[in-house]
PDB file of N, CA and C in Angstrom:
ATOM      1  N   UNK A   1       4.476  12.363   3.644  1.00  0.00           N
ATOM      2  CA  UNK A   1       4.197  11.606   4.756  1.00  0.00           C
ATOM      3  C   UNK A   1       5.376  11.261   5.579  1.00  0.00           C
ATOM      4  N   UNK A   2       5.518  11.450   6.839  1.00  0.00           N
ATOM      5  CA  UNK A   2       6.727  11.071   7.570  1.00  0.00           C
ATOM      6  C   UNK A   2       6.298   9.923   8.509  1.00  0.00           C
ATOM      7  N   UNK A   3       7.266   9.069   8.574  1.00  0.00           N
ATOM      8  CA  UNK A   3       7.183   7.741   9.298  1.00  0.00           C
ATOM      9  C   UNK A   3       8.394   7.814  10.187  1.00  0.00           C
ATOM     10  N   UNK A   4       8.414   7.015  11.210  1.00  0.00           N
ATOM     11  CA  UNK A   4       9.591   6.543  12.174  1.00  0.00           C
ATOM     12  C   UNK A   4       9.846   5.197  12.048  1.00  0.00           C
ATOM     13  N   UNK A   5      11.225   4.998  12.085  1.00  0.00           N
ATOM     14  CA  UNK A   5      11.616   3.630  12.286  1.00  0.00           C
ATOM     15  C   UNK A   5      11.649   3.167  13.560  1.00  0.00           C
ATOM     16  N   UNK A   6      10.968   2.055  13.904  1.00  0.00           N
ATOM     17  CA  UNK A   6      10.934   1.600  15.261  1.00  0.00           C
ATOM     18  C   UNK A   6      12.015   0.704  15.707  1.00  0.00           C
ATOM     19  N   UNK A   7      11.706  -0.003  16.824  1.00  0.00           N
ATOM     20  CA  UNK A   7      12.801  -1.072  17.225  1.00  0.00           C
ATOM     21  C   UNK A   7      12.977  -2.193  15.991  1.00  0.00           C
ATOM     22  N   UNK A   8      14.158  -2.552  16.147  1.00  0.00           N
ATOM     23  CA  UNK A   8      14.528  -3.582  15.238  1.00  0.00           C
ATOM     24  C   UNK A   8      14.272  -3.179  13.731  1.00  0.00           C
ATOM     25  N   UNK A   9      14.456  -1.968  13.618  1.00  0.00           N
ATOM     26  CA  UNK A   9      14.509  -1.277  12.128  1.00  0.00           C
ATOM     27  C   UNK A   9      13.025  -1.333  11.575  1.00  0.00           C
ATOM     28  N   UNK A  10      11.880  -1.560  12.406  1.00  0.00           N
ATOM     29  CA  UNK A  10      10.571  -1.854  11.766  1.00  0.00           C
ATOM     30  C   UNK A  10       9.991  -0.627  11.271  1.00  0.00           C
ATOM     31  N   UNK A  11       9.303  -0.598  10.158  1.00  0.00           N
ATOM     32  CA  UNK A  11       8.648   0.445   9.493  1.00  0.00           C
ATOM     33  C   UNK A  11       7.035   0.218   9.426  1.00  0.00           C
ATOM     34  N   UNK A  12       6.284   0.999   9.881  1.00  0.00           N
ATOM     35  CA  UNK A  12       4.903   0.883   9.932  1.00  0.00           C
ATOM     36  C   UNK A  12       4.338   1.804   8.718  1.00  0.00           C
ATOM     37  N   UNK A  13       3.742   1.250   7.689  1.00  0.00           N
ATOM     38  CA  UNK A  13       3.184   1.838   6.434  1.00  0.00           C
ATOM     39  C   UNK A  13       2.041   2.439   6.909  1.00  0.00           C
ATOM     40  N   UNK A  14       1.761   3.774   6.789  1.00  0.00           N
ATOM     41  CA  UNK A  14       0.302   4.251   7.026  1.00  0.00           C
ATOM     42  C   UNK A  14      -0.990   3.465   6.319  1.00  0.00           C
ATOM     43  N   UNK A  15      -1.869   3.427   6.993  1.00  0.00           N
ATOM     44  CA  UNK A  15      -3.035   2.710   6.734  1.00  0.00           C
ATOM     45  C   UNK A  15      -3.554   3.337   5.240  1.00  0.00           C
ATOM     46  N   UNK A  16      -3.466   4.570   5.009  1.00  0.00           N
ATOM     47  CA  UNK A  16      -3.869   5.039   3.710  1.00  0.00           C
ATOM     48  C   UNK A  16      -3.114   4.662   2.471  1.00  0.00           C
ATOM     49  N   UNK A  17      -1.717   4.702   2.705  1.00  0.00           N
ATOM     50  CA  UNK A  17      -0.844   4.079   1.656  1.00  0.00           C
ATOM     51  C   UNK A  17      -0.853   2.649   1.449  1.00  0.00           C
ATOM     52  N   UNK A  18      -0.955   2.035   2.437  1.00  0.00           N
ATOM     53  CA  UNK A  18      -1.187   0.486   2.497  1.00  0.00           C
ATOM     54  C   UNK A  18      -2.328   0.133   1.581  1.00  0.00           C
ATOM     55  N   UNK A  19      -3.634   0.769   2.023  1.00  0.00           N
ATOM     56  CA  UNK A  19      -4.913   0.578   1.303  1.00  0.00           C
ATOM     57  C   UNK A  19      -4.699   0.905  -0.126  1.00  0.00           C
ATOM     58  N   UNK A  20      -4.143   2.105  -0.648  1.00  0.00           N
ATOM     59  CA  UNK A  20      -3.920   2.608  -1.955  1.00  0.00           C
ATOM     60  C   UNK A  20      -3.066   1.613  -2.604  1.00  0.00           C
ATOM     61  N   UNK A  21      -2.189   0.793  -2.182  1.00  0.00           N
ATOM     62  CA  UNK A  21      -1.337   0.054  -2.932  1.00  0.00           C
ATOM     63  C   UNK A  21      -1.598  -1.452  -2.764  1.00  0.00           C
ATOM     64  N   UNK A  22      -2.794  -1.751  -1.850  1.00  0.00           N
ATOM     65  CA  UNK A  22      -3.234  -3.109  -1.663  1.00  0.00           C
ATOM     66  C   UNK A  22      -2.231  -3.920  -0.831  1.00  0.00           C
ATOM     67  N   UNK A  23      -1.647  -3.194   0.019  1.00  0.00           N
ATOM     68  CA  UNK A  23      -0.742  -3.959   1.050  1.00  0.00           C
ATOM     69  C   UNK A  23      -1.435  -4.195   2.261  1.00  0.00           C
ATOM     70  N   UNK A  24      -1.307  -5.672   2.776  1.00  0.00           N
ATOM     71  CA  UNK A  24      -1.820  -6.105   3.849  1.00  0.00           C
ATOM     72  C   UNK A  24      -0.674  -6.934   4.577  1.00  0.00           C
ATOM     73  N   UNK A  25      -1.084  -7.403   5.676  1.00  0.00           N
ATOM     74  CA  UNK A  25      -0.099  -8.189   6.552  1.00  0.00           C
ATOM     75  C   UNK A  25       0.227  -9.501   5.684  1.00  0.00           C
ATOM     76  N   UNK A  26       1.607  -9.662   5.792  1.00  0.00           N
ATOM     77  CA  UNK A  26       2.140 -10.940   5.117  1.00  0.00           C
ATOM     78  C   UNK A  26       2.481 -10.423   3.593  1.00  0.00           C
ATOM     79  N   UNK A  27       2.123  -9.308   2.997  1.00  0.00           N
ATOM     80  CA  UNK A  27       2.509  -8.824   1.513  1.00  0.00           C
ATOM     81  C   UNK A  27       4.075  -8.944   1.428  1.00  0.00           C
ATOM     82  N   UNK A  28       4.599  -9.649   0.638  1.00  0.00           N
ATOM     83  CA  UNK A  28       5.846  -9.702   0.356  1.00  0.00           C
ATOM     84  C   UNK A  28       6.332  -8.260  -0.430  1.00  0.00           C
ATOM     85  N   UNK A  29       7.354  -7.819  -0.067  1.00  0.00           N
ATOM     86  CA  UNK A  29       7.930  -6.341  -0.379  1.00  0.00           C
ATOM     87  C   UNK A  29       9.280  -6.653  -0.874  1.00  0.00           C
ATOM     88  N   UNK A  30       9.554  -5.957  -2.272  1.00  0.00           N
ATOM     89  CA  UNK A  30      11.068  -5.968  -2.715  1.00  0.00           C
ATOM     90  C   UNK A  30      11.633  -4.643  -2.342  1.00  0.00           C
ATOM     91  N   UNK A  31      12.823  -4.599  -1.829  1.00  0.00           N
ATOM     92  CA  UNK A  31      13.435  -3.505  -1.401  1.00  0.00           C
ATOM     93  C   UNK A  31      14.669  -3.252  -2.233  1.00  0.00           C
ATOM     94  N   UNK A  32      14.833  -2.096  -2.826  1.00  0.00           N
ATOM     95  CA  UNK A  32      15.890  -1.648  -3.638  1.00  0.00           C
ATOM     96  C   UNK A  32      16.454  -0.432  -3.065  1.00  0.00           C
ATOM     97  N   UNK A  33      17.780  -0.351  -3.226  1.00  0.00           N
ATOM     98  CA  UNK A  33      18.488   0.983  -2.919  1.00  0.00           C
ATOM     99  C   UNK A  33      18.790   1.599  -4.104  1.00  0.00           C
ATOM    100  N   UNK A  34      18.368   3.032  -4.263  1.00  0.00           N
ATOM    101  CA  UNK A  34      18.784   3.867  -5.374  1.00  0.00           C
ATOM    102  C   UNK A  34      19.519   5.054  -4.833  1.00  0.00           C
ATOM    103  N   UNK A  35      20.745   5.192  -4.815  1.00  0.00           N
ATOM    104  CA  UNK A  35      21.477   6.308  -4.242  1.00  0.00           C
ATOM    105  C   UNK A  35      20.983   6.267  -2.601  1.00  0.00           C
ATOM    106  N   UNK A  36      20.531   7.255  -2.388  1.00  0.00           N
ATOM    107  CA  UNK A  36      20.415   7.405  -0.867  1.00  0.00           C
ATOM    108  C   UNK A  36      18.850   7.196  -0.530  1.00  0.00           C
ATOM    109  N   UNK A  37      18.133   6.546  -1.437  1.00  0.00           N
ATOM    110  CA  UNK A  37      16.668   6.237  -1.332  1.00  0.00           C
ATOM    111  C   UNK A  37      16.411   4.675  -1.281  1.00  0.00           C
ATOM    112  N   UNK A  38      15.320   4.455  -0.428  1.00  0.00           N
ATOM    113  CA  UNK A  38      14.918   2.968  -0.515  1.00  0.00           C
ATOM    114  C   UNK A  38      13.666   2.822  -1.438  1.00  0.00           C
ATOM    115  N   UNK A  39      13.528   1.974  -2.297  1.00  0.00           N
ATOM    116  CA  UNK A  39      12.446   1.832  -3.172  1.00  0.00           C
ATOM    117  C   UNK A  39      11.853   0.429  -2.613  1.00  0.00           C
ATOM    118  N   UNK A  40      10.414   0.654  -2.262  1.00  0.00           N
ATOM    119  CA  UNK A  40       9.862  -0.578  -1.689  1.00  0.00           C
ATOM    120  C   UNK A  40       8.574  -0.762  -2.740  1.00  0.00           C
ATOM    121  N   UNK A  41       8.540  -2.036  -3.354  1.00  0.00           N
ATOM    122  CA  UNK A  41       7.561  -2.649  -4.278  1.00  0.00           C
ATOM    123  C   UNK A  41       6.866  -3.814  -3.797  1.00  0.00           C
ATOM    124  N   UNK A  42       5.458  -3.660  -3.653  1.00  0.00           N
ATOM    125  CA  UNK A  42       4.839  -4.727  -3.211  1.00  0.00           C
ATOM    126  C   UNK A  42       4.923  -5.933  -4.214  1.00  0.00           C
ATOM    127  N   UNK A  43       5.042  -7.172  -3.884  1.00  0.00           N
ATOM    128  CA  UNK A  43       4.955  -8.341  -4.635  1.00  0.00           C
ATOM    129  C   UNK A  43       3.653  -8.915  -4.540  1.00  0.00           C
ATOM    130  N   UNK A  44       2.840  -8.964  -5.476  1.00  0.00           N
ATOM    131  CA  UNK A  44       1.476  -9.422  -5.277  1.00  0.00           C
ATOM    132  C   UNK A  44       1.426 -10.881  -5.679  1.00  0.00           C
ATOM    133  N   UNK A  45       0.490 -11.631  -5.258  1.00  0.00           N
ATOM    134  CA  UNK A  45       0.668 -13.154  -5.579  1.00  0.00           C
ATOM    135  C   UNK A  45      -0.447 -13.151  -6.817  1.00  0.00           C
ATOM    136  N   UNK A  46      -0.507 -14.470  -7.357  1.00  0.00           N
ATOM    137  CA  UNK A  46      -1.123 -14.691  -8.576  1.00  0.00           C
ATOM    138  C   UNK A  46      -2.484 -14.252  -8.661  1.00  0.00           C
ATOM    139  N   UNK A  47      -3.303 -14.581  -7.351  1.00  0.00           N
ATOM    140  CA  UNK A  47      -4.840 -14.338  -7.260  1.00  0.00           C
ATOM    141  C   UNK A  47      -5.031 -12.967  -7.353  1.00  0.00           C
ATOM    142  N   UNK A  48      -4.205 -12.189  -6.531  1.00  0.00           N
ATOM    143  CA  UNK A  48      -4.165 -10.600  -6.640  1.00  0.00           C
ATOM    144  C   UNK A  48      -4.119 -10.143  -8.167  1.00  0.00           C
ATOM    145  N   UNK A  49      -3.064 -10.616  -8.647  1.00  0.00           N
ATOM    146  CA  UNK A  49      -2.788 -10.107  -9.962  1.00  0.00           C
ATOM    147  C   UNK A  49      -3.770 -10.186 -10.904  1.00  0.00           C
ATOM    148  N   UNK A  50      -4.360 -11.613 -10.929  1.00  0.00           N
ATOM    149  CA  UNK A  50      -5.473 -11.819 -11.785  1.00  0.00           C
ATOM    150  C   UNK A  50      -6.790 -11.001 -11.485  1.00  0.00           C
ATOM    151  N   UNK A  51      -7.046 -10.604 -10.362  1.00  0.00           N
ATOM    152  CA  UNK A  51      -8.248  -9.855 -10.037  1.00  0.00           C
ATOM    153  C   UNK A  51      -7.802  -8.251 -10.328  1.00  0.00           C
ATOM    154  N   UNK A  52      -6.737  -7.787  -9.698  1.00  0.00           N
ATOM    155  CA  UNK A  52      -6.397  -6.372  -9.878  1.00  0.00           C
ATOM    156  C   UNK A  52      -5.380  -5.851 -10.856  1.00  0.00           C
ATOM    157  N   UNK A  53      -4.598  -6.888 -11.318  1.00  0.00           N
ATOM    158  CA  UNK A  53      -3.459  -6.561 -12.259  1.00  0.00           C
ATOM    159  C   UNK A  53      -3.857  -6.135 -13.780  1.00  0.00           C
ATOM    160  N   UNK A  54      -2.879  -5.388 -14.338  1.00  0.00           N
ATOM    161  CA  UNK A  54      -3.058  -4.920 -15.745  1.00  0.00           C
ATOM    162  C   UNK A  54      -3.443  -6.125 -16.551  1.00  0.00           C
ATOM    163  N   UNK A  55      -4.401  -6.046 -17.484  1.00  0.00           N
ATOM    164  CA  UNK A  55      -4.852  -6.972 -18.419  1.00  0.00           C
ATOM    165  C   UNK A  55      -4.097  -6.814 -19.752  1.00  0.00           C
ATOM    166  N   UNK A  56      -3.493  -7.764 -20.239  1.00  0.00           N
ATOM    167  CA  UNK A  56      -2.723  -7.498 -21.494  1.00  0.00           C
ATOM    168  C   UNK A  56      -3.053  -8.606 -22.611  1.00  0.00           C
ATOM    169  N   UNK A  57      -3.952  -9.417 -22.203  1.00  0.00           N
ATOM    170  CA  UNK A  57      -4.570 -10.358 -23.145  1.00  0.00           C
ATOM    171  C   UNK A  57      -5.811 -10.993 -22.789  1.00  0.00           C
ATOM    172  N   UNK A  58      -6.600 -11.563 -23.546  1.00  0.00           N
ATOM    173  CA  UNK A  58      -7.855 -12.363 -23.268  1.00  0.00           C
ATOM    174  C   UNK A  58      -7.673 -13.796 -23.661  1.00  0.00           C
ATOM    175  N   UNK A  59      -8.458 -14.698 -22.823  1.00  0.00           N
ATOM    176  CA  UNK A  59      -8.516 -16.056 -23.259  1.00  0.00           C
ATOM    177  C   UNK A  59      -9.836 -16.344 -22.746  1.00  0.00           C
ATOM    178  N   UNK A  60     -10.396 -17.264 -23.605  1.00  0.00           N
ATOM    179  CA  UNK A  60     -11.791 -17.741 -23.209  1.00  0.00           C
ATOM    180  C   UNK A  60     -11.756 -19.002 -22.518  1.00  0.00           C
ATOM    181  N   UNK A  61     -12.519 -19.321 -21.787  1.00  0.00           N
ATOM    182  CA  UNK A  61     -12.567 -20.642 -20.962  1.00  0.00           C
ATOM    183  C   UNK A  61     -12.431 -21.802 -21.811  1.00  0.00           C
ATOM    184  N   UNK A  62     -13.083 -21.826 -23.077  1.00  0.00           N
ATOM    185  CA  UNK A  62     -12.780 -22.844 -24.039  1.00  0.00           C
ATOM    186  C   UNK A  62     -11.208 -22.929 -24.402  1.00  0.00           C
ATOM    187  N   UNK A  63     -10.676 -21.701 -24.695  1.00  0.00           N
ATOM    188  CA  UNK A  63      -9.206 -21.917 -24.952  1.00  0.00           C
ATOM    189  C   UNK A  63      -8.562 -22.434 -23.796  1.00  0.00           C
ATOM    190  N   UNK A  64      -8.678 -21.932 -22.626  1.00  0.00           N
ATOM    191  CA  UNK A  64      -8.155 -22.569 -21.340  1.00  0.00           C
ATOM    192  C   UNK A  64      -7.977 -24.011 -21.261  1.00  0.00           C
ATOM    193  N   UNK A  65      -9.334 -24.429 -21.571  1.00  0.00           N
ATOM    194  CA  UNK A  65      -9.447 -25.809 -21.411  1.00  0.00           C
ATOM    195  C   UNK A  65      -8.982 -26.617 -22.261  1.00  0.00           C
ATOM    196  N   UNK A  66      -8.826 -26.303 -23.760  1.00  0.00           N
ATOM    197  CA  UNK A  66      -8.229 -26.927 -24.762  1.00  0.00           C
ATOM    198  C   UNK A  66      -6.701 -26.963 -24.481  1.00  0.00           C
ATOM    199  N   UNK A  67      -6.059 -25.893 -23.954  1.00  0.00           N
ATOM    200  CA  UNK A  67      -4.660 -25.623 -23.765  1.00  0.00           C
ATOM    201  C   UNK A  67      -4.320 -26.628 -22.730  1.00  0.00           C
ATOM    202  N   UNK A  68      -5.147 -26.753 -21.648  1.00  0.00           N
ATOM    203  CA  UNK A  68      -4.986 -27.906 -20.507  1.00  0.00           C
ATOM    204  C   UNK A  68      -4.960 -29.169 -21.106  1.00  0.00           C
ATOM    205  N   UNK A  69      -5.896 -29.591 -21.760  1.00  0.00           N
ATOM    206  CA  UNK A  69      -6.026 -30.859 -22.199  1.00  0.00           C
ATOM    207  C   UNK A  69      -4.756 -31.108 -23.162  1.00  0.00           C
ATOM    208  N   UNK A  70      -4.443 -30.331 -24.037  1.00  0.00           N
ATOM    209  CA  UNK A  70      -3.202 -30.451 -24.782  1.00  0.00           C
ATOM    210  C   UNK A  70      -2.100 -30.782 -24.025  1.00  0.00           C
ATOM    211  N   UNK A  71      -1.767 -30.112 -22.953  1.00  0.00           N
ATOM    212  CA  UNK A  71      -0.725 -30.098 -22.194  1.00  0.00           C
ATOM    213  C   UNK A  71      -0.727 -31.491 -21.403  1.00  0.00           C
ATOM    214  N   UNK A  72      -1.889 -31.845 -20.916  1.00  0.00           N
ATOM    215  CA  UNK A  72      -1.941 -33.231 -20.119  1.00  0.00           C
ATOM    216  C   UNK A  72      -1.507 -34.305 -21.086  1.00  0.00           C
ATOM    217  N   UNK A  73      -2.170 -34.093 -22.379  1.00  0.00           N
ATOM    218  CA  UNK A  73      -1.819 -35.205 -23.404  1.00  0.00           C
ATOM    219  C   UNK A  73      -0.320 -35.410 -23.606  1.00  0.00           C
ATOM    220  N   UNK A  74       0.430 -34.170 -23.825  1.00  0.00           N
ATOM    221  CA  UNK A  74       1.895 -34.099 -23.991  1.00  0.00           C
ATOM    222  C   UNK A  74       2.642 -34.898 -22.833  1.00  0.00           C
ATOM    223  N   UNK A  75       2.092 -34.588 -21.627  1.00  0.00           N
ATOM    224  CA  UNK A  75       2.882 -35.309 -20.505  1.00  0.00           C
ATOM    225  C   UNK A  75       2.535 -36.673 -20.460  1.00  0.00           C
ATOM    226  N   UNK A  76       1.194 -37.097 -20.692  1.00  0.00           N
ATOM    227  CA  UNK A  76       1.130 -38.633 -20.719  1.00  0.00           C
ATOM    228  C   UNK A  76       1.682 -39.294 -21.765  1.00  0.00           C
ATOM    229  N   UNK A  77       1.945 -38.806 -22.958  1.00  0.00           N
ATOM    230  CA  UNK A  77       2.571 -39.314 -24.129  1.00  0.00           C
ATOM    231  C   UNK A  77       4.111 -39.218 -23.595  1.00  0.00           C
ATOM    232  N   UNK A  78       4.633 -38.368 -23.076  1.00  0.00           N
ATOM    233  CA  UNK A  78       6.107 -38.115 -22.606  1.00  0.00           C
ATOM    234  C   UNK A  78       6.418 -39.240 -21.625  1.00  0.00           C
ATOM    235  N   UNK A  79       5.370 -39.623 -20.940  1.00  0.00           N
ATOM    236  CA  UNK A  79       5.896 -40.698 -19.910  1.00  0.00           C
ATOM    237  C   UNK A  79       5.797 -42.075 -20.287  1.00  0.00           C
ATOM    238  N   UNK A  80       5.296 -42.396 -21.526  1.00  0.00           N
ATOM    239  CA  UNK A  80       5.396 -43.760 -22.161  1.00  0.00           C
ATOM    240  C   UNK A  80       6.583 -43.903 -22.916  1.00  0.00           C
TER     241      UNK A  80
END
């Protein structure tokens, strides 16, 4: 797919590609240069990743709550 660089070096990402990659307005993009190529990688926020990202472990709500309570106790004990 061909695109044209506009004023102030702006690049419009075609709707089809943006939709496929989950890119929308205000998506933060990482740019890298590899030789004579520009590599653009969308940086998704934590909410997007929790819904759409690759799952690599499972945790139950009970385990999450227990971890949260333990962390809070450590912080409270450390403050005294």
